[in-house]
PDB file of N, CA and C in Angstrom:
ATOM      1  N   MET A   1     -12.908  -3.809 -22.288  1.00  0.00           N
ATOM      2  CA  MET A   1     -12.208  -3.131 -21.145  1.00  0.00           C
ATOM      3  C   MET A   1     -11.500  -4.093 -20.042  1.00  0.00           C
ATOM      4  N   ILE A   2     -10.627  -4.234 -20.490  1.00  0.00           N
ATOM      5  CA  ILE A   2      -9.512  -5.053 -19.460  1.00  0.00           C
ATOM      6  C   ILE A   2      -9.400  -4.140 -17.778  1.00  0.00           C
ATOM      7  N   ASN A   3      -9.586  -4.791 -16.434  1.00  0.00           N
ATOM      8  CA  ASN A   3      -9.086  -3.893 -15.418  1.00  0.00           C
ATOM      9  C   ASN A   3      -8.498  -4.814 -14.666  1.00  0.00           C
ATOM     10  N   GLU A   4      -7.306  -3.962 -14.437  1.00  0.00           N
ATOM     11  CA  GLU A   4      -6.307  -4.842 -13.798  1.00  0.00           C
ATOM     12  C   GLU A   4      -5.929  -3.874 -12.452  1.00  0.00           C
ATOM     13  N   THR A   5      -5.653  -4.843 -11.461  1.00  0.00           N
ATOM     14  CA  THR A   5      -5.677  -4.247 -10.355  1.00  0.00           C
ATOM     15  C   THR A   5      -4.284  -3.212 -10.177  1.00  0.00           C
ATOM     16  N   PRO A   6      -4.117  -2.443  -9.519  1.00  0.00           N
ATOM     17  CA  PRO A   6      -2.902  -1.811  -9.473  1.00  0.00           C
ATOM     18  C   PRO A   6      -2.206  -3.405  -8.640  1.00  0.00           C
ATOM     19  N   GLN A   7      -0.374  -2.866  -8.811  1.00  0.00           N
ATOM     20  CA  GLN A   7       0.336  -3.441  -7.778  1.00  0.00           C
ATOM     21  C   GLN A   7       1.077  -2.395  -7.641  1.00  0.00           C
ATOM     22  N   VAL A   8       1.514  -3.524  -5.920  1.00  0.00           N
ATOM     23  CA  VAL A   8       2.646  -2.416  -5.095  1.00  0.00           C
ATOM     24  C   VAL A   8       3.566  -2.958  -4.797  1.00  0.00           C
ATOM     25  N   ILE A   9       4.992  -2.954  -5.089  1.00  0.00           N
ATOM     26  CA  ILE A   9       5.651  -3.379  -4.779  1.00  0.00           C
ATOM     27  C   ILE A   9       6.714  -2.859  -3.473  1.00  0.00           C
ATOM     28  N   CYS A  10       6.757  -3.796  -2.498  1.00  0.00           N
ATOM     29  CA  CYS A  10       6.889  -3.278  -0.958  1.00  0.00           C
ATOM     30  C   CYS A  10       8.940  -2.854  -1.386  1.00  0.00           C
ATOM     31  N   PRO A  11       9.537  -2.602  -0.818  1.00  0.00           N
ATOM     32  CA  PRO A  11      10.697  -1.397  -0.493  1.00  0.00           C
ATOM     33  C   PRO A  11      11.510  -1.949  -0.005  1.00  0.00           C
ATOM     34  N   GLU A  12      10.924  -3.194   1.219  1.00  0.00           N
ATOM     35  CA  GLU A  12      11.946  -3.905   1.737  1.00  0.00           C
ATOM     36  C   GLU A  12      11.913  -5.015   0.876  1.00  0.00           C
ATOM     37  N   CYS A  13      11.153  -6.328   0.863  1.00  0.00           N
ATOM     38  CA  CYS A  13      11.688  -7.605   0.247  1.00  0.00           C
ATOM     39  C   CYS A  13      11.233  -7.975  -1.419  1.00  0.00           C
ATOM     40  N   HIS A  14      10.591  -6.513  -1.948  1.00  0.00           N
ATOM     41  CA  HIS A  14      10.941  -6.246  -3.533  1.00  0.00           C
ATOM     42  C   HIS A  14       9.768  -7.668  -3.760  1.00  0.00           C
ATOM     43  N   LYS A  15       8.701  -7.922  -2.917  1.00  0.00           N
ATOM     44  CA  LYS A  15       7.452  -8.434  -3.621  1.00  0.00           C
ATOM     45  C   LYS A  15       6.671  -7.663  -4.041  1.00  0.00           C
ATOM     46  N   GLN A  16       5.177  -8.489  -5.083  1.00  0.00           N
ATOM     47  CA  GLN A  16       4.387  -7.363  -5.792  1.00  0.00           C
ATOM     48  C   GLN A  16       3.188  -7.905  -5.067  1.00  0.00           C
ATOM     49  N   PHE A  17       2.128  -7.162  -4.571  1.00  0.00           N
ATOM     50  CA  PHE A  17       1.310  -7.567  -4.075  1.00  0.00           C
ATOM     51  C   PHE A  17      -0.474  -6.383  -4.870  1.00  0.00           C
ATOM     52  N   THR A  18      -0.806  -6.844  -4.550  1.00  0.00           N
ATOM     53  CA  THR A  18      -2.307  -6.035  -5.162  1.00  0.00           C
ATOM     54  C   THR A  18      -2.616  -4.378  -4.476  1.00  0.00           C
ATOM     55  N   LEU A  19      -3.007  -3.920  -4.531  1.00  0.00           N
ATOM     56  CA  LEU A  19      -3.187  -2.469  -3.691  1.00  0.00           C
ATOM     57  C   LEU A  19      -3.957  -3.061  -2.254  1.00  0.00           C
ATOM     58  N   GLU A  20      -4.687  -4.103  -2.693  1.00  0.00           N
ATOM     59  CA  GLU A  20      -6.024  -4.133  -1.779  1.00  0.00           C
ATOM     60  C   GLU A  20      -5.230  -4.930  -0.412  1.00  0.00           C
ATOM     61  N   GLU A  21      -3.811  -5.673  -0.883  1.00  0.00           N
ATOM     62  CA  GLU A  21      -3.154  -6.501   0.315  1.00  0.00           C
ATOM     63  C   GLU A  21      -2.382  -5.318   0.901  1.00  0.00           C
ATOM     64  N   THR A  22      -2.080  -4.456   0.532  1.00  0.00           N
ATOM     65  CA  THR A  22      -1.270  -3.600   1.131  1.00  0.00           C
ATOM     66  C   THR A  22      -1.164  -2.809   1.712  1.00  0.00           C
ATOM     67  N   ILE A  23      -2.265  -1.387   0.811  1.00  0.00           N
ATOM     68  CA  ILE A  23      -2.408  -0.144   1.810  1.00  0.00           C
ATOM     69  C   ILE A  23      -3.945   0.163   2.367  1.00  0.00           C
ATOM     70  N   THR A  24      -4.118   0.782   3.571  1.00  0.00           N
ATOM     71  CA  THR A  24      -5.226   0.756   4.188  1.00  0.00           C
ATOM     72  C   THR A  24      -5.091   2.224   4.080  1.00  0.00           C
ATOM     73  N   ALA A  25      -6.089   2.954   4.223  1.00  0.00           N
ATOM     74  CA  ALA A  25      -6.564   4.380   3.675  1.00  0.00           C
ATOM     75  C   ALA A  25      -7.445   4.551   5.418  1.00  0.00           C
ATOM     76  N   GLN A  26      -7.468   5.283   6.196  1.00  0.00           N
ATOM     77  CA  GLN A  26      -8.063   5.701   7.563  1.00  0.00           C
ATOM     78  C   GLN A  26      -8.553   7.261   7.323  1.00  0.00           C
ATOM     79  N   SER A  27      -9.713   7.387   7.666  1.00  0.00           N
ATOM     80  CA  SER A  27     -10.759   8.274   7.867  1.00  0.00           C
ATOM     81  C   SER A  27     -10.235   9.759   8.394  1.00  0.00           C
ATOM     82  N   ASN A  28      -9.243   9.690   8.882  1.00  0.00           N
ATOM     83  CA  ASN A  28      -8.243  10.878   9.210  1.00  0.00           C
ATOM     84  C   ASN A  28      -7.269  11.497   7.654  1.00  0.00           C
ATOM     85  N   GLN A  29      -7.302  10.506   6.688  1.00  0.00           N
ATOM     86  CA  GLN A  29      -6.258  10.489   5.778  1.00  0.00           C
ATOM     87  C   GLN A  29      -5.055  10.301   6.080  1.00  0.00           C
ATOM     88  N   ASN A  30      -4.824   8.958   6.995  1.00  0.00           N
ATOM     89  CA  ASN A  30      -3.826   8.633   7.314  1.00  0.00           C
ATOM     90  C   ASN A  30      -3.394   7.212   6.401  1.00  0.00           C
ATOM     91  N   VAL A  31      -2.896   6.747   5.239  1.00  0.00           N
ATOM     92  CA  VAL A  31      -2.479   6.206   4.412  1.00  0.00           C
ATOM     93  C   VAL A  31      -1.192   5.146   4.933  1.00  0.00           C
ATOM     94  N   ILE A  32      -1.834   3.722   5.460  1.00  0.00           N
ATOM     95  CA  ILE A  32      -0.432   3.139   6.192  1.00  0.00           C
ATOM     96  C   ILE A  32      -0.292   1.640   5.052  1.00  0.00           C
ATOM     97  N   PHE A  33       1.137   1.158   4.499  1.00  0.00           N
ATOM     98  CA  PHE A  33       1.599   0.307   3.631  1.00  0.00           C
ATOM     99  C   PHE A  33       1.918  -0.639   4.926  1.00  0.00           C
ATOM    100  N   GLU A  34       1.384  -2.182   4.525  1.00  0.00           N
ATOM    101  CA  GLU A  34       1.971  -3.372   4.912  1.00  0.00           C
ATOM    102  C   GLU A  34       1.875  -4.166   4.077  1.00  0.00           C
ATOM    103  N   CYS A  35       3.353  -4.798   4.285  1.00  0.00           N
ATOM    104  CA  CYS A  35       4.054  -5.851   3.322  1.00  0.00           C
ATOM    105  C   CYS A  35       3.472  -7.398   3.941  1.00  0.00           C
ATOM    106  N   PRO A  36       2.399  -7.859   3.298  1.00  0.00           N
ATOM    107  CA  PRO A  36       2.215  -9.054   3.998  1.00  0.00           C
ATOM    108  C   PRO A  36       2.583 -10.611   4.291  1.00  0.00           C
ATOM    109  N   SER A  37       4.498 -10.208   3.156  1.00  0.00           N
ATOM    110  CA  SER A  37       5.331 -10.887   2.642  1.00  0.00           C
ATOM    111  C   SER A  37       6.215 -10.662   4.462  1.00  0.00           C
ATOM    112  N   CYS A  38       6.983  -9.935   4.538  1.00  0.00           N
ATOM    113  CA  CYS A  38       7.995  -9.610   5.598  1.00  0.00           C
ATOM    114  C   CYS A  38       7.813  -8.325   6.746  1.00  0.00           C
ATOM    115  N   GLY A  39       6.370  -7.843   6.780  1.00  0.00           N
ATOM    116  CA  GLY A  39       5.316  -7.260   7.526  1.00  0.00           C
ATOM    117  C   GLY A  39       6.430  -5.557   7.772  1.00  0.00           C
ATOM    118  N   HIS A  40       7.139  -5.376   6.352  1.00  0.00           N
ATOM    119  CA  HIS A  40       7.598  -3.985   6.842  1.00  0.00           C
ATOM    120  C   HIS A  40       6.659  -2.937   6.834  1.00  0.00           C
ATOM    121  N   GLU A  41       6.506  -2.230   7.595  1.00  0.00           N
ATOM    122  CA  GLU A  41       4.750  -1.082   7.760  1.00  0.00           C
ATOM    123  C   GLU A  41       5.501  -0.076   7.534  1.00  0.00           C
ATOM    124  N   LYS A  42       4.640   1.477   6.218  1.00  0.00           N
ATOM    125  CA  LYS A  42       5.039   2.715   6.747  1.00  0.00           C
ATOM    126  C   LYS A  42       3.673   3.533   6.992  1.00  0.00           C
ATOM    127  N   ARG A  43       4.093   4.268   7.633  1.00  0.00           N
ATOM    128  CA  ARG A  43       2.438   5.035   8.590  1.00  0.00           C
ATOM    129  C   ARG A  43       2.812   6.505   7.797  1.00  0.00           C
ATOM    130  N   ASN A  44       1.278   6.915   7.922  1.00  0.00           N
ATOM    131  CA  ASN A  44       1.304   8.895   7.479  1.00  0.00           C
ATOM    132  C   ASN A  44       1.945   8.464   6.262  1.00  0.00           C
ATOM    133  N   ILE A  45       1.708   8.347   5.273  1.00  0.00           N
ATOM    134  CA  ILE A  45       2.192   8.297   4.079  1.00  0.00           C
ATOM    135  C   ILE A  45       1.574   9.515   2.964  1.00  0.00           C
ATOM    136  N   GLN A  46       2.594  10.281   2.291  1.00  0.00           N
ATOM    137  CA  GLN A  46       1.900  11.433   1.808  1.00  0.00           C
ATOM    138  C   GLN A  46       1.134  10.948   0.811  1.00  0.00           C
ATOM    139  N   THR A  47      -0.541  11.873   0.594  1.00  0.00           N
ATOM    140  CA  THR A  47      -1.200  11.490  -0.062  1.00  0.00           C
ATOM    141  C   THR A  47      -0.915  13.039  -0.694  1.00  0.00           C
ATOM    142  N   SER A  48      -2.342  13.598  -2.466  1.00  0.00           N
ATOM    143  CA  SER A  48      -2.824  14.498  -2.392  1.00  0.00           C
ATOM    144  C   SER A  48      -3.117  15.214  -2.157  1.00  0.00           C
ATOM    145  N   LYS A  49      -4.476  14.156  -1.014  1.00  0.00           N
ATOM    146  CA  LYS A  49      -5.175  14.823   0.074  1.00  0.00           C
ATOM    147  C   LYS A  49      -4.687  15.494   0.908  1.00  0.00           C
ATOM    148  N   GLY A  50      -3.229  15.458   0.736  1.00  0.00           N
ATOM    149  CA  GLY A  50      -2.551  16.045   2.409  1.00  0.00           C
ATOM    150  C   GLY A  50      -2.423  14.524   3.304  1.00  0.00           C
TER     151      GLY A  50
END
């Protein structure tokens, strides 16, 4: 079985990173995306949990 790390593509600079490098999930179910390359940030990302 091959374990592949999920990849995320930045909507601004279009560079690709692993999920662990870009996504932060907080205890209040707030999900934050931050691009390590260009610094683009998106907060309060809607998830299936709300």
